Structures are given as C-alpha cells and as structure tokens.
Amino acid sequence: MDSRSPQQERILRESIPVTERRTDQAMTGAAGRRLLQRLTSFREFNILVALLVLGLFLSITTDAFLTTGNLFGVARAFSLTAIVAIGQTMVILTGGIDLSVGSVLALAGLSTGMLLERGVPLPLAMLAGLGVGAMVGLVNGLLITRVGLPPFIATLGTLSIGRGLVYVLTKGYPVTVPYDYRAFIWLGQGYVWIVPVPVIIMIVLTILGTIFLGFTTYGRYIYAVGGNSEAARLAGIPVERVKLLVYVLCSTLAALAGLILVARLVSAQPSAGLGFELPVIAASIIGGTSLMGGEGTVLGAVLGAAIMGVLENGMVLLGVSTYAQQAVTGTVIILAVALDIMQKRRRMRVRRARR
C-alpha cells in the first residue's frame, strides 16, 4: 500500500520532467565535450583554427586582405610550396628529408623550357621535365637505400649538382618560352572560372595524396617505415622500395612545380627555387609532420603552406620589412615545433595515466 500523500505525489510528478531535462542536458554537454576533445586531437583542426584566426586578424587590420583577388593571389602564391610539401611530407614520414627540391624545380623547369624553345612538342617537353625530376628522386633513393648515405648528405649533394647543372646549361641567362605554347602558359597563368589553375592542381593533388596515404597499402607502409624501420622490415614490408617511392614522388612533384613556375613566368630562370627547400620543409613541420617520422598528413602540410602564405601576405599588407618577415617566419617555425613537442608529451602523459 502506497503511503505517499497527494501532495507528495504532485511534487513527484512535477519533478520528473525537470530531472529528465537535467539528465538530457548533462548527456548533451558530455557529448559536446567529447566531440570537442576529438576535434582538437586532430592536428589539422588546430592548424585550421590558427589559419582562420590569422585571417580574421588580417581582415580587421587591413582593407585589402579579404578581397577575392588577394585571396586567390595568396592561394596561387603558396600553391607551389604546398605541391612540393605533399611530396616532402611523404619523405619525412619515412624518417628522411629531401633538400634537393629547389634544384629539381629549377632543373626540371629549365629542361622543359629549353625543349620548348627548340620547338619540341609540348607533351614530350613536359614529360621530359617530369622525367628529370623522377630521375633525381631515383638517384636520391638509391644513394640512401643502396649506398647507405644519410638522407641529409645525399640530397644536399644532389642539390648542389642540380644547381650547378642549371648554371652550366644557362650560363646564368633565362630561357624564354615561346608564346605559341598557350596551353602550357595556361598551366601557370590560366583560370577555371575565377580559380587559378595552380590552385586547382594543388587541391587535386591534396585529395590524391590523402587517399594514397590513408587508404592504400603503400600509404600504410610509409607510416610503418617511419614509425619503426626495423620492425617494418621484420614484418615483411619492402622498406627500400618504399623509400625509393617517396623520393621519386617528392622529386616528381617538385618537377611539376617547376613546370608551373616556368609557365607562370613564361621563362626558365636559373635562380628559380633558390632556398625553396626551407619553406617546403617548414610547411610540413607547421602542418604537424614529425621530423622523427611516422606522424603527419598531406592536408596538414597544405594547411601549413597556407599559414605561411597568408602570414607573408599579411606582413606585406601591414608594411613589415623584408628582414623582419624572415625573423617572423623563423619564429613561427620554432613555435610550431615547440607546440608539437608539448602536445606529444601531453599525449604520452595521458597514455601513462590510463595504464
């Protein structure tokens, strides 16, 4: 027999909806916190937030930043860095590094420009330029996997050799591309609607690179080799073949960037790509790629290149001197690496606490 009074029954009935609402609110809040934690655990999310904050700051402090012409101009400017950073990221994921990308860019662009100057059909000239890049990548890979040279030494050597060949072939003078090759010039100067062609190429390569690393066997092999090369070898992964592949891909993408640059300038400049390896590596690092290997994404590298491009454009719009721009860029790189190290330490502490 129920001993509750009518007044107690009324209070109980009125309190049930309130309790349910509070429970629903608590569950919703917990779910929101879990979602936020998952989002912030992705490095690309943090990089994207940093990029948006930087863009918001520049849109407030300058009048010219948030315009269609400027935004697409910035995207075109950093697209070459992003294209090469995709290949550089794959190399760094295996625990290596490629310092020769600037020389490959110049040598491949020069090869195509010289062939076009002599009237060679466009497809053959472009294939020759891409082939030069692939060949340099193959040499880099063989020096590292077969000869046993450290990646830093091997690619530093090919950097010097490639730059020397460029100056020998040109004697320091640029090679002009005939204006008859309008399809080639469109590659660097053209638009699809209002979007520059180099930006479209960057987007396509970002999608393909993400699919390759995330959803293919060799993409998983690349992460495995970078995580622990010896363990990957014992697991039956063709470590040497994987390293050869990433260096060939990196140099081929650098060659593609060289062709786009020649098409943009309508000439092959012997000084093209000087120091280009530094912003490419910086884009990968800012994008969350670990120099120790095994951690990083293509999307992160592209977002890292975008941050550098937006930062450079913003400093120009704000009237910051060229010398100060270099100092700011260096500071950003140091902060990005320091933040990455702190996040790794935090994750390790969390894992230890769970154990």
Protein backbone atom coordinates (compact mmCIF):
# COMPACT_ATOMS: atom_id res chain seq x y z
CA MET A 1 0.00 0.00 0.00
CA ASP A 2 1.35 3.42 -1.06
CA SER A 3 1.78 5.71 1.94
CA ARG A 4 2.61 8.87 -0.11
CA SER A 5 0.20 11.74 0.40
CA PRO A 6 -1.49 13.54 -2.54
CA GLN A 7 0.85 16.50 -2.06
CA GLN A 8 3.91 14.23 -2.28
CA GLU A 9 2.53 12.60 -5.44
CA ARG A 10 2.08 16.04 -7.05
CA ILE A 11 5.62 17.11 -6.17
CA LEU A 12 6.99 13.82 -7.55
CA ARG A 13 5.11 14.19 -10.84
CA GLU A 14 6.33 17.77 -11.27
CA SER A 15 9.93 16.88 -10.51
CA ILE A 16 10.23 14.04 -13.06
CA PRO A 17 10.38 16.26 -16.21
CA VAL A 18 12.89 18.56 -14.54
CA THR A 19 15.12 15.62 -13.66
CA GLU A 20 14.87 14.25 -17.20
CA ARG A 21 15.74 17.64 -18.68
CA ARG A 22 18.77 17.95 -16.43
CA THR A 23 19.88 14.44 -17.39
CA ASP A 24 19.47 15.23 -21.10
CA GLN A 25 21.41 18.47 -20.68
CA ALA A 26 24.21 16.68 -18.86
CA MET A 27 24.39 13.98 -21.54
CA THR A 28 24.39 16.63 -24.29
CA GLY A 29 27.12 18.59 -22.53
CA ALA A 30 29.26 15.48 -22.09
CA ALA A 31 28.78 14.56 -25.75
CA GLY A 32 29.75 18.09 -26.77
CA ARG A 33 32.88 17.95 -24.66
CA ARG A 34 33.84 14.58 -26.14
CA LEU A 35 33.28 15.92 -29.66
CA LEU A 36 35.41 18.99 -28.90
CA GLN A 37 38.16 16.79 -27.48
CA ARG A 38 38.13 14.61 -30.58
CA LEU A 39 38.25 17.63 -32.89
CA THR A 40 41.12 19.28 -31.03
CA SER A 41 43.04 15.99 -31.05
CA PHE A 42 43.31 16.29 -34.82
CA ARG A 43 46.27 18.49 -35.71
CA GLU A 44 44.57 19.66 -38.89
CA PHE A 45 41.75 21.13 -36.80
CA ASN A 46 44.18 23.13 -34.68
CA ILE A 47 46.06 24.33 -37.77
CA LEU A 48 42.81 25.32 -39.46
CA VAL A 49 41.75 27.28 -36.38
CA ALA A 50 45.12 29.07 -36.37
CA LEU A 51 44.70 29.87 -40.06
CA LEU A 52 41.19 31.26 -39.52
CA VAL A 53 42.33 33.37 -36.55
CA LEU A 54 45.20 34.76 -38.63
CA GLY A 55 42.83 35.52 -41.49
CA LEU A 56 40.37 37.21 -39.13
CA PHE A 57 43.13 39.37 -37.66
CA LEU A 58 44.34 40.45 -41.12
CA SER A 59 40.81 41.13 -42.35
CA ILE A 60 40.33 43.50 -39.39
CA THR A 61 43.70 45.24 -39.61
CA THR A 62 43.87 45.60 -43.41
CA ASP A 63 41.34 46.55 -46.06
CA ALA A 64 42.85 44.57 -48.95
CA PHE A 65 43.20 41.12 -47.39
CA LEU A 66 39.59 39.95 -47.52
CA THR A 67 39.12 40.50 -51.25
CA THR A 68 38.66 37.87 -53.93
CA GLY A 69 41.69 38.99 -55.92
CA ASN A 70 44.01 38.98 -52.92
CA LEU A 71 42.80 35.63 -51.53
CA PHE A 72 43.22 33.85 -54.86
CA GLY A 73 46.56 35.60 -55.33
CA VAL A 74 47.73 34.26 -51.97
CA ALA A 75 46.47 30.78 -52.85
CA ARG A 76 48.33 30.89 -56.17
CA ALA A 77 51.49 32.05 -54.39
CA PHE A 78 51.61 29.23 -51.83
CA SER A 79 50.26 26.53 -54.18
CA LEU A 80 53.75 25.61 -55.42
CA THR A 81 55.03 25.31 -51.86
CA ALA A 82 52.03 23.14 -50.98
CA ILE A 83 52.51 20.88 -54.02
CA VAL A 84 56.12 20.16 -53.13
CA ALA A 85 55.28 19.92 -49.42
CA ILE A 86 52.98 16.99 -50.24
CA GLY A 87 55.97 15.01 -51.51
CA GLN A 88 58.25 16.31 -48.77
CA THR A 89 55.77 15.14 -46.15
CA MET A 90 55.89 11.59 -47.52
CA VAL A 91 59.69 11.67 -47.34
CA ILE A 92 59.70 12.99 -43.77
CA LEU A 93 57.12 10.38 -42.78
CA THR A 94 59.72 7.70 -43.56
CA GLY A 95 62.26 9.48 -41.35
CA GLY A 96 64.13 11.12 -44.23
CA ILE A 97 64.42 14.57 -45.73
CA ASP A 98 64.87 15.96 -49.25
CA LEU A 99 66.95 19.13 -49.59
CA SER A 100 67.18 18.94 -53.38
CA VAL A 101 63.62 20.04 -54.21
CA GLY A 102 64.65 23.61 -55.11
CA SER A 103 67.30 22.45 -57.57
CA VAL A 104 64.92 19.84 -59.02
CA LEU A 105 62.31 22.56 -59.53
CA ALA A 106 64.81 24.70 -61.43
CA LEU A 107 66.35 21.83 -63.44
CA ALA A 108 63.01 20.33 -64.49
CA GLY A 109 61.61 23.72 -65.47
CA LEU A 110 64.77 24.53 -67.42
CA SER A 111 64.66 21.19 -69.25
CA THR A 112 61.10 21.80 -70.39
CA GLY A 113 61.81 25.43 -71.27
CA MET A 114 64.86 24.56 -73.40
CA LEU A 115 62.94 21.87 -75.28
CA LEU A 116 60.03 24.22 -75.95
CA GLU A 117 62.46 26.88 -77.16
CA ARG A 118 63.71 24.36 -79.72
CA GLY A 119 60.20 23.56 -80.93
CA VAL A 120 59.74 20.16 -79.27
CA PRO A 121 56.04 19.16 -78.95
CA LEU A 122 54.54 20.22 -75.65
CA PRO A 123 53.64 16.75 -74.28
CA LEU A 124 57.19 15.47 -74.87
CA ALA A 125 58.75 18.56 -73.31
CA MET A 126 56.57 18.28 -70.21
CA LEU A 127 57.24 14.54 -69.88
CA ALA A 128 60.96 15.24 -70.17
CA GLY A 129 60.78 17.78 -67.33
CA LEU A 130 58.82 15.40 -65.11
CA GLY A 131 61.23 12.62 -66.06
CA VAL A 132 64.20 14.71 -64.95
CA GLY A 133 62.55 15.15 -61.57
CA ALA A 134 61.78 11.44 -61.24
CA MET A 135 65.37 10.58 -62.20
CA VAL A 136 66.82 12.84 -59.49
CA GLY A 137 64.45 11.28 -56.98
CA LEU A 138 65.57 7.81 -58.05
CA VAL A 139 69.21 8.82 -57.60
CA ASN A 140 68.42 10.19 -54.13
CA GLY A 141 66.64 6.99 -53.19
CA LEU A 142 69.44 4.74 -54.44
CA LEU A 143 72.10 6.76 -52.64
CA ILE A 144 70.13 6.36 -49.42
CA THR A 145 68.97 2.75 -49.71
CA ARG A 146 71.82 1.09 -51.61
CA VAL A 147 74.89 3.20 -50.86
CA GLY A 148 73.75 3.92 -47.31
CA LEU A 149 74.21 7.69 -47.28
CA PRO A 150 72.20 9.70 -44.75
CA PRO A 151 69.27 11.49 -46.46
CA PHE A 152 70.67 14.88 -45.45
CA ILE A 153 74.03 14.23 -47.16
CA ALA A 154 72.60 12.52 -50.25
CA THR A 155 70.05 15.23 -51.03
CA LEU A 156 72.46 18.03 -50.14
CA GLY A 157 74.81 16.63 -52.77
CA THR A 158 72.12 16.42 -55.45
CA LEU A 159 71.02 19.94 -54.52
CA SER A 160 74.50 21.25 -55.40
CA ILE A 161 74.79 19.10 -58.53
CA GLY A 162 71.38 20.15 -59.82
CA ARG A 163 72.01 23.85 -59.23
CA GLY A 164 75.40 23.57 -60.90
CA LEU A 165 73.85 21.92 -63.97
CA VAL A 166 71.29 24.73 -64.20
CA TYR A 167 74.01 27.39 -64.29
CA VAL A 168 76.15 25.41 -66.71
CA LEU A 169 73.25 24.97 -69.15
CA THR A 170 72.05 28.58 -68.97
CA LYS A 171 75.33 30.40 -68.23
CA GLY A 172 73.21 32.50 -65.89
CA TYR A 173 70.71 33.67 -68.55
CA PRO A 174 66.99 32.87 -68.54
CA VAL A 175 65.40 30.69 -71.20
CA THR A 176 62.24 32.20 -72.72
CA VAL A 177 59.26 30.03 -73.63
CA PRO A 178 57.64 30.92 -76.98
CA TYR A 179 54.14 32.37 -76.63
CA ASP A 180 52.91 29.83 -79.19
CA TYR A 181 52.58 27.32 -76.36
CA ARG A 182 49.41 28.87 -74.98
CA ALA A 183 48.24 25.61 -73.39
CA PHE A 184 51.45 25.44 -71.39
CA ILE A 185 51.25 29.10 -70.34
CA TRP A 186 47.63 28.49 -69.26
CA LEU A 187 49.01 25.96 -66.76
CA GLY A 188 50.62 28.80 -64.81
CA GLN A 189 48.50 31.83 -65.72
CA GLY A 190 45.09 30.39 -66.53
CA TYR A 191 41.85 30.28 -64.57
CA VAL A 192 38.92 27.91 -64.27
CA TRP A 193 36.11 30.37 -63.61
CA ILE A 194 37.82 32.62 -61.03
CA VAL A 195 40.13 29.96 -59.54
CA PRO A 196 43.77 29.92 -60.73
CA VAL A 197 44.84 26.66 -62.37
CA PRO A 198 47.77 26.10 -59.92
CA VAL A 199 45.29 26.22 -57.04
CA ILE A 200 43.12 23.58 -58.71
CA ILE A 201 46.18 21.37 -59.25
CA MET A 202 47.08 21.81 -55.56
CA ILE A 203 43.58 20.79 -54.46
CA VAL A 204 43.54 17.72 -56.71
CA LEU A 205 46.97 16.61 -55.50
CA THR A 206 45.91 17.15 -51.88
CA ILE A 207 42.94 14.83 -52.36
CA LEU A 208 45.01 12.22 -54.20
CA GLY A 209 47.80 12.39 -51.60
CA THR A 210 45.32 12.00 -48.74
CA ILE A 211 43.74 8.97 -50.40
CA PHE A 212 47.17 7.47 -51.13
CA LEU A 213 48.45 7.80 -47.55
CA GLY A 214 45.21 6.90 -45.82
CA PHE A 215 43.65 4.20 -47.96
CA THR A 216 46.37 2.32 -49.84
CA THR A 217 48.79 -0.40 -48.84
CA TYR A 218 51.88 1.64 -49.67
CA GLY A 219 50.48 4.59 -47.76
CA ARG A 220 50.31 2.44 -44.63
CA TYR A 221 53.79 1.14 -45.42
CA ILE A 222 55.12 4.72 -45.40
CA TYR A 223 53.80 5.30 -41.87
CA ALA A 224 55.13 1.93 -40.73
CA VAL A 225 58.62 2.61 -42.09
CA GLY A 226 58.71 5.97 -40.36
CA GLY A 227 57.40 4.58 -37.10
CA ASN A 228 59.99 1.80 -36.85
CA SER A 229 62.00 0.86 -39.91
CA GLU A 230 63.45 -2.33 -38.46
CA ALA A 231 60.10 -3.57 -37.19
CA ALA A 232 58.60 -2.83 -40.60
CA ARG A 233 61.36 -4.86 -42.25
CA LEU A 234 60.74 -7.80 -39.91
CA ALA A 235 57.01 -7.55 -40.73
CA GLY A 236 57.80 -8.13 -44.40
CA ILE A 237 57.40 -4.54 -45.61
CA PRO A 238 59.74 -3.67 -48.54
CA VAL A 239 61.45 -0.79 -46.73
CA GLU A 240 63.93 0.07 -49.51
CA ARG A 241 61.20 0.09 -52.15
CA VAL A 242 59.03 2.37 -50.00
CA LYS A 243 61.89 4.83 -49.54
CA LEU A 244 62.65 4.81 -53.27
CA LEU A 245 58.99 5.51 -53.96
CA VAL A 246 58.72 8.54 -51.68
CA TYR A 247 61.87 10.19 -53.03
CA VAL A 248 60.73 9.68 -56.62
CA LEU A 249 57.30 11.10 -55.78
CA CYS A 250 58.81 14.09 -53.98
CA SER A 251 61.14 14.99 -56.86
CA THR A 252 58.38 14.46 -59.43
CA LEU A 253 56.11 16.88 -57.56
CA ALA A 254 59.00 19.35 -57.34
CA ALA A 255 59.43 18.99 -61.12
CA LEU A 256 55.70 19.64 -61.62
CA ALA A 257 56.01 22.80 -59.52
CA GLY A 258 58.97 23.82 -61.72
CA LEU A 259 56.87 23.43 -64.86
CA ILE A 260 54.05 25.50 -63.35
CA LEU A 261 56.52 28.23 -62.37
CA VAL A 262 58.01 28.35 -65.88
CA ALA A 263 54.50 28.57 -67.32
CA ARG A 264 53.71 31.39 -64.91
CA LEU A 265 56.82 33.43 -65.75
CA VAL A 266 56.97 32.34 -69.41
CA SER A 267 60.67 31.76 -68.85
CA ALA A 268 63.00 29.40 -67.01
CA GLN A 269 65.07 31.38 -64.54
CA PRO A 270 68.40 29.86 -63.40
CA SER A 271 67.81 31.25 -59.90
CA ALA A 272 64.37 29.61 -59.60
CA GLY A 273 63.91 27.58 -56.44
CA LEU A 274 66.90 29.01 -54.55
CA GLY A 275 66.27 28.24 -50.89
CA PHE A 276 62.91 26.68 -51.80
CA GLU A 277 63.58 23.62 -49.64
CA LEU A 278 63.30 25.70 -46.45
CA PRO A 279 59.67 26.89 -46.83
CA VAL A 280 58.68 23.43 -48.09
CA ILE A 281 60.10 21.71 -45.02
CA ALA A 282 58.65 24.45 -42.81
CA ALA A 283 55.18 23.90 -44.32
CA SER A 284 55.36 20.20 -43.47
CA ILE A 285 56.53 20.89 -39.92
CA ILE A 286 53.95 23.60 -39.26
CA GLY A 287 51.37 21.16 -40.63
CA GLY A 288 52.21 18.69 -37.88
CA THR A 289 54.65 16.34 -39.61
CA SER A 290 57.18 14.95 -37.15
CA LEU A 291 60.82 15.10 -38.20
CA MET A 292 61.26 11.76 -36.42
CA GLY A 293 58.92 10.15 -38.95
CA GLY A 294 55.66 8.25 -38.72
CA GLU A 295 53.38 11.22 -37.97
CA GLY A 296 51.86 13.73 -40.37
CA THR A 297 49.29 14.20 -43.12
CA VAL A 298 49.11 15.72 -46.57
CA LEU A 299 46.27 18.03 -45.53
CA GLY A 300 48.33 19.30 -42.61
CA ALA A 301 51.25 20.12 -44.92
CA VAL A 302 48.97 22.06 -47.28
CA LEU A 303 47.45 23.96 -44.37
CA GLY A 304 50.98 24.69 -43.13
CA ALA A 305 51.83 26.15 -46.54
CA ALA A 306 48.62 28.19 -46.39
CA ILE A 307 49.57 29.64 -43.00
CA MET A 308 52.98 30.65 -44.34
CA GLY A 309 51.42 32.18 -47.45
CA VAL A 310 48.80 34.13 -45.50
CA LEU A 311 51.40 35.26 -42.96
CA GLU A 312 53.73 36.51 -45.70
CA ASN A 313 50.90 38.31 -47.48
CA GLY A 314 49.70 39.85 -44.23
CA MET A 315 53.14 41.19 -43.38
CA VAL A 316 53.37 42.77 -46.82
CA LEU A 317 49.95 44.40 -46.40
CA LEU A 318 50.94 45.64 -42.93
CA GLY A 319 54.17 47.14 -44.27
CA VAL A 320 56.55 44.86 -42.34
CA SER A 321 60.10 44.98 -43.72
CA THR A 322 61.55 42.02 -45.64
CA TYR A 323 64.18 41.36 -42.97
CA ALA A 324 61.56 41.29 -40.23
CA GLN A 325 59.44 38.91 -42.32
CA GLN A 326 62.23 36.32 -42.25
CA ALA A 327 62.52 36.68 -38.48
CA VAL A 328 58.76 36.25 -38.03
CA THR A 329 58.73 33.16 -40.27
CA GLY A 330 61.55 31.62 -38.26
CA THR A 331 59.71 32.35 -35.03
CA VAL A 332 56.56 30.67 -36.34
CA ILE A 333 58.54 27.55 -37.28
CA ILE A 334 60.11 27.35 -33.81
CA LEU A 335 56.74 27.83 -32.11
CA ALA A 336 55.13 25.18 -34.32
CA VAL A 337 57.79 22.61 -33.49
CA ALA A 338 57.71 23.51 -29.77
CA LEU A 339 53.91 23.17 -29.71
CA ASP A 340 54.14 19.80 -31.45
CA ILE A 341 56.65 18.56 -28.86
CA MET A 342 54.47 19.76 -25.97
CA GLN A 343 51.42 18.01 -27.45
CA LYS A 344 53.36 14.77 -27.79
CA ARG A 345 54.48 14.96 -24.17
CA ARG A 346 50.90 15.61 -23.06
CA ARG A 347 49.62 12.63 -25.03
CA MET A 348 52.33 10.41 -23.54
CA ARG A 349 51.38 11.53 -20.02
CA VAL A 350 47.71 10.74 -20.74
CA ARG A 351 48.61 7.28 -22.02
CA ARG A 352 50.74 6.57 -18.97
CA ALA A 353 47.96 7.73 -16.66
CA ARG A 354 45.48 5.41 -18.37
CA ARG A 355 47.83 2.47 -17.91
